[in-house]
Amino acid sequence: MASRGNRTEPRRPTPRLYLLTPQVANPAGVRDALAAALDAADVVAVLLRLAAADERTQINRAKALASVVQDKGAALLLDGLPDIAAHAGADGAHLSGIEALEAARATLKPARIAGCGGLATRHDAMVAAEAGADYVMFGEPDDERHRPSLEAVVDRVAWWAEVFEIPCVAFAGSIDEVEPLAAAGADFVAVGEWIFEAADGPAATIKDAARRLAVVEAAG
């Protein structure tokens, strides 16, 4: 998940998908759906959300899914849990808030990705970038499943894309949010549990999300 690079280029690369899993307690229960989703679309990273457990259990759960993700060319990130990322064979971790990022930086960097979300203000996002975040995420739900409006997330993404080189991930709360977030300038569009809960199944749904990204690219 490299920085966007030279902003003088006439066309920005197509945004890529970033997939969040449901809370995983039993890897076997999500393995097939996750593999199907990764087969159906280009996914740059998978954020593995592990249910609470002891450290050894969490490491084993992550290991059970690591090859499913990494064999498809996607990065495996853990939701929090930076201390077990190396033991689990993960490519990094996603931290919520600047304090968590700063506490994990020495553990993760430079070998692994350190992403940061839970950024309530523009100032927080800038501080996270200065603290070494490899990307910032906007629009994800908090612990009580509350999240900003689509308009607020679009505004934050557009501001970031205009000013900063560090990539941003925009969290889409539904399939209809994928296009506007990509059009606003997101480098990556995150899709979450609704991919796995969709009536058409995860493969068809994430394929639709990828199609919507392509529509944004075609529009220039």
Protein backbone atom coordinates (compact mmCIF):
# COMPACT_ATOMS: atom_id res chain seq x y z
CA MET A 1 0.00 0.00 0.00
CA ALA A 2 2.42 2.60 -1.26
CA SER A 3 1.90 6.35 -1.42
CA ARG A 4 0.12 7.77 -4.43
CA GLY A 5 3.35 9.30 -5.80
CA ASN A 6 3.51 12.10 -8.33
CA ARG A 7 0.32 14.16 -8.35
CA THR A 8 1.21 15.76 -11.68
CA GLU A 9 0.22 12.58 -13.50
CA PRO A 10 -2.92 13.16 -15.59
CA ARG A 11 -4.77 10.11 -14.27
CA ARG A 12 -4.90 8.72 -10.79
CA PRO A 13 -4.65 4.94 -10.50
CA THR A 14 -7.97 3.16 -10.08
CA PRO A 15 -8.89 2.88 -6.39
CA ARG A 16 -8.54 -0.66 -5.07
CA LEU A 17 -10.67 -2.60 -2.64
CA TYR A 18 -9.79 -3.17 1.01
CA LEU A 19 -11.88 -5.91 2.65
CA LEU A 20 -12.86 -6.14 6.32
CA THR A 21 -13.93 -9.54 7.63
CA PRO A 22 -16.67 -10.14 10.17
CA GLN A 23 -15.50 -10.94 13.69
CA VAL A 24 -13.79 -14.31 13.29
CA ALA A 25 -13.97 -16.92 16.05
CA ASN A 26 -13.97 -19.95 13.75
CA PRO A 27 -11.71 -19.52 10.68
CA ALA A 28 -13.33 -22.48 8.92
CA GLY A 29 -16.65 -20.65 8.97
CA VAL A 30 -15.35 -17.70 6.92
CA ARG A 31 -12.62 -19.36 4.85
CA ASP A 32 -14.71 -20.29 1.80
CA ALA A 33 -16.56 -16.96 1.65
CA LEU A 34 -13.29 -15.05 2.00
CA ALA A 35 -11.62 -17.09 -0.74
CA ALA A 36 -14.60 -16.56 -3.04
CA ALA A 37 -14.50 -12.81 -2.50
CA LEU A 38 -10.77 -12.66 -3.22
CA ASP A 39 -11.23 -14.71 -6.38
CA ALA A 40 -13.96 -12.35 -7.61
CA ALA A 41 -12.17 -8.99 -7.39
CA ASP A 42 -8.83 -7.25 -7.00
CA VAL A 43 -8.37 -6.73 -3.26
CA VAL A 44 -5.28 -4.96 -1.97
CA ALA A 45 -5.66 -5.88 1.70
CA VAL A 46 -7.84 -7.86 4.10
CA LEU A 47 -8.38 -6.56 7.61
CA LEU A 48 -8.87 -9.63 9.78
CA ARG A 49 -11.10 -8.87 12.76
CA LEU A 50 -10.50 -11.53 15.38
CA ALA A 51 -12.93 -12.29 18.18
CA ALA A 52 -11.56 -11.88 21.69
CA ALA A 53 -9.46 -14.84 22.86
CA ASP A 54 -6.10 -15.66 24.37
CA GLU A 55 -3.01 -14.77 22.36
CA ARG A 56 -2.23 -18.28 21.14
CA THR A 57 -5.78 -18.80 19.89
CA GLN A 58 -5.70 -15.49 18.01
CA ILE A 59 -2.37 -16.36 16.40
CA ASN A 60 -3.73 -19.73 15.29
CA ARG A 61 -6.88 -18.14 13.85
CA ALA A 62 -4.84 -15.66 11.86
CA LYS A 63 -2.47 -18.36 10.60
CA ALA A 64 -5.44 -20.41 9.44
CA LEU A 65 -6.51 -17.62 7.08
CA ALA A 66 -3.15 -16.10 6.14
CA SER A 67 -2.55 -18.26 3.09
CA VAL A 68 -6.08 -17.67 1.81
CA VAL A 69 -5.35 -13.94 1.73
CA GLN A 70 -1.68 -13.78 0.83
CA ASP A 71 -1.81 -16.40 -1.91
CA LYS A 72 -4.20 -14.04 -3.72
CA GLY A 73 -1.65 -11.22 -3.53
CA ALA A 74 -3.47 -9.29 -0.81
CA ALA A 75 -1.89 -8.04 2.42
CA LEU A 76 -3.19 -9.56 5.64
CA LEU A 77 -3.68 -6.94 8.35
CA LEU A 78 -4.87 -7.55 11.88
CA ASP A 79 -7.44 -5.29 13.49
CA GLY A 80 -5.29 -4.13 16.39
CA LEU A 81 -3.06 -6.82 17.91
CA PRO A 82 0.27 -5.47 16.62
CA ASP A 83 2.18 -7.62 19.09
CA ILE A 84 1.10 -10.83 17.38
CA ALA A 85 1.37 -9.67 13.76
CA ALA A 86 4.80 -11.22 13.21
CA HIS A 87 3.94 -14.47 14.99
CA ALA A 88 0.74 -14.77 12.96
CA GLY A 89 2.47 -14.18 9.64
CA ALA A 90 0.46 -11.01 9.06
CA ASP A 91 1.68 -8.13 6.93
CA GLY A 92 0.77 -5.51 9.52
CA ALA A 93 -2.00 -4.13 11.68
CA HIS A 94 -4.68 -1.48 11.64
CA LEU A 95 -4.68 0.71 14.74
CA SER A 96 -7.52 2.81 16.07
CA GLY A 97 -6.35 6.22 17.18
CA ILE A 98 -3.03 8.01 17.38
CA GLU A 99 -2.03 6.61 20.76
CA ALA A 100 -2.45 3.05 19.51
CA LEU A 101 -0.46 3.88 16.39
CA GLU A 102 2.39 5.41 18.35
CA ALA A 103 2.47 2.49 20.79
CA ALA A 104 2.64 -0.03 17.92
CA ARG A 105 5.06 1.82 15.69
CA ALA A 106 8.26 0.27 17.05
CA THR A 107 6.72 -3.21 16.86
CA LEU A 108 5.51 -2.93 13.28
CA LYS A 109 7.87 -0.58 11.48
CA PRO A 110 9.66 -0.79 9.15
CA ALA A 111 8.94 -4.40 8.24
CA ARG A 112 5.13 -4.27 8.49
CA ILE A 113 2.25 -1.99 7.61
CA ALA A 114 0.84 0.30 10.28
CA GLY A 115 -2.50 1.77 9.26
CA CYS A 116 -4.56 4.13 11.36
CA GLY A 117 -8.27 4.83 11.72
CA GLY A 118 -10.49 6.22 14.46
CA LEU A 119 -9.47 9.74 13.40
CA ALA A 120 -12.19 12.13 14.49
CA THR A 121 -10.74 15.34 13.08
CA ARG A 122 -8.57 16.58 10.23
CA HIS A 123 -5.90 17.40 12.77
CA ASP A 124 -5.93 13.81 14.06
CA ALA A 125 -5.41 12.54 10.52
CA MET A 126 -2.44 14.85 9.99
CA VAL A 127 -0.90 13.79 13.31
CA ALA A 128 -1.31 10.13 12.34
CA ALA A 129 0.49 10.77 9.07
CA GLU A 130 3.31 12.54 10.88
CA ALA A 131 3.50 9.63 13.35
CA GLY A 132 4.29 7.22 10.53
CA ALA A 133 0.94 5.77 9.45
CA ASP A 134 1.19 3.99 6.12
CA TYR A 135 -2.41 4.95 5.42
CA VAL A 136 -5.30 6.67 7.16
CA MET A 137 -8.88 5.42 7.16
CA PHE A 138 -11.97 7.61 7.16
CA GLY A 139 -15.58 6.69 7.81
CA GLU A 140 -15.33 3.38 9.64
CA PRO A 141 -17.85 2.60 12.42
CA ASP A 142 -16.87 3.12 16.04
CA ASP A 143 -17.33 0.50 18.77
CA GLU A 144 -21.04 1.31 18.92
CA ARG A 145 -21.35 1.00 15.12
CA HIS A 146 -21.86 4.75 14.65
CA ARG A 147 -20.15 6.39 11.70
CA PRO A 148 -20.09 9.78 9.96
CA SER A 149 -22.50 10.60 7.17
CA LEU A 150 -21.47 9.77 3.61
CA GLU A 151 -21.24 13.50 2.88
CA ALA A 152 -18.81 13.99 5.77
CA VAL A 153 -16.61 11.11 4.64
CA VAL A 154 -16.60 12.31 1.02
CA ASP A 155 -15.56 15.76 2.22
CA ARG A 156 -12.72 14.34 4.35
CA VAL A 157 -11.48 12.09 1.54
CA ALA A 158 -11.54 14.90 -1.03
CA TRP A 159 -9.58 17.18 1.30
CA TRP A 160 -6.98 14.50 2.00
CA ALA A 161 -6.58 13.51 -1.65
CA GLU A 162 -5.99 17.13 -2.60
CA VAL A 163 -3.33 17.84 0.02
CA PHE A 164 -1.54 14.67 1.11
CA GLU A 165 0.47 11.88 -0.50
CA ILE A 166 -0.05 9.21 2.18
CA PRO A 167 -2.89 6.97 0.94
CA CYS A 168 -6.35 7.11 2.41
CA VAL A 169 -8.87 4.32 2.80
CA ALA A 170 -12.54 5.34 2.65
CA PHE A 171 -14.98 3.02 4.40
CA ALA A 172 -18.13 2.29 2.41
CA GLY A 173 -21.13 1.37 4.53
CA SER A 174 -23.02 -0.05 1.53
CA ILE A 175 -22.57 -0.79 -2.14
CA ASP A 176 -24.05 2.60 -3.03
CA GLU A 177 -21.23 4.41 -1.21
CA VAL A 178 -18.44 2.81 -3.24
CA GLU A 179 -18.69 5.10 -6.27
CA PRO A 180 -18.90 8.47 -4.50
CA LEU A 181 -15.99 7.63 -2.21
CA ALA A 182 -13.85 6.54 -5.13
CA ALA A 183 -14.81 9.65 -7.08
CA ALA A 184 -13.81 11.81 -4.11
CA GLY A 185 -10.22 10.59 -4.43
CA ALA A 186 -9.87 7.58 -2.13
CA ASP A 187 -6.87 5.40 -2.88
CA PHE A 188 -8.66 2.40 -1.40
CA VAL A 189 -12.34 1.78 -0.69
CA ALA A 190 -13.03 -0.45 2.30
CA VAL A 191 -15.97 -2.83 2.22
CA GLY A 192 -17.04 -4.60 5.36
CA GLU A 193 -19.43 -7.15 6.82
CA TRP A 194 -22.22 -6.28 4.39
CA ILE A 195 -20.18 -8.00 1.66
CA PHE A 196 -20.50 -11.29 3.57
CA GLU A 197 -24.14 -10.69 4.52
CA ALA A 198 -25.38 -9.79 1.02
CA ALA A 199 -28.16 -11.94 -0.43
CA ASP A 200 -26.17 -12.47 -3.64
CA GLY A 201 -23.17 -13.72 -1.69
CA PRO A 202 -19.74 -12.17 -1.14
CA ALA A 203 -18.28 -12.99 -4.57
CA ALA A 204 -21.06 -11.34 -6.57
CA THR A 205 -21.25 -8.37 -4.22
CA ILE A 206 -17.56 -7.56 -4.20
CA LYS A 207 -17.48 -8.02 -7.97
CA ASP A 208 -20.18 -5.35 -8.16
CA ALA A 209 -18.07 -3.09 -5.95
CA ALA A 210 -15.10 -3.56 -8.30
CA ARG A 211 -17.31 -2.73 -11.27
CA ARG A 212 -18.31 0.53 -9.62
CA LEU A 213 -14.67 1.45 -9.13
CA ALA A 214 -14.11 0.84 -12.81
CA VAL A 215 -17.00 3.18 -13.64
CA VAL A 216 -15.20 5.96 -11.73
CA GLU A 217 -11.99 5.29 -13.64
CA ALA A 218 -13.81 5.34 -16.98
CA ALA A 219 -15.38 8.68 -16.10
CA GLY A 220 -11.85 10.08 -15.76
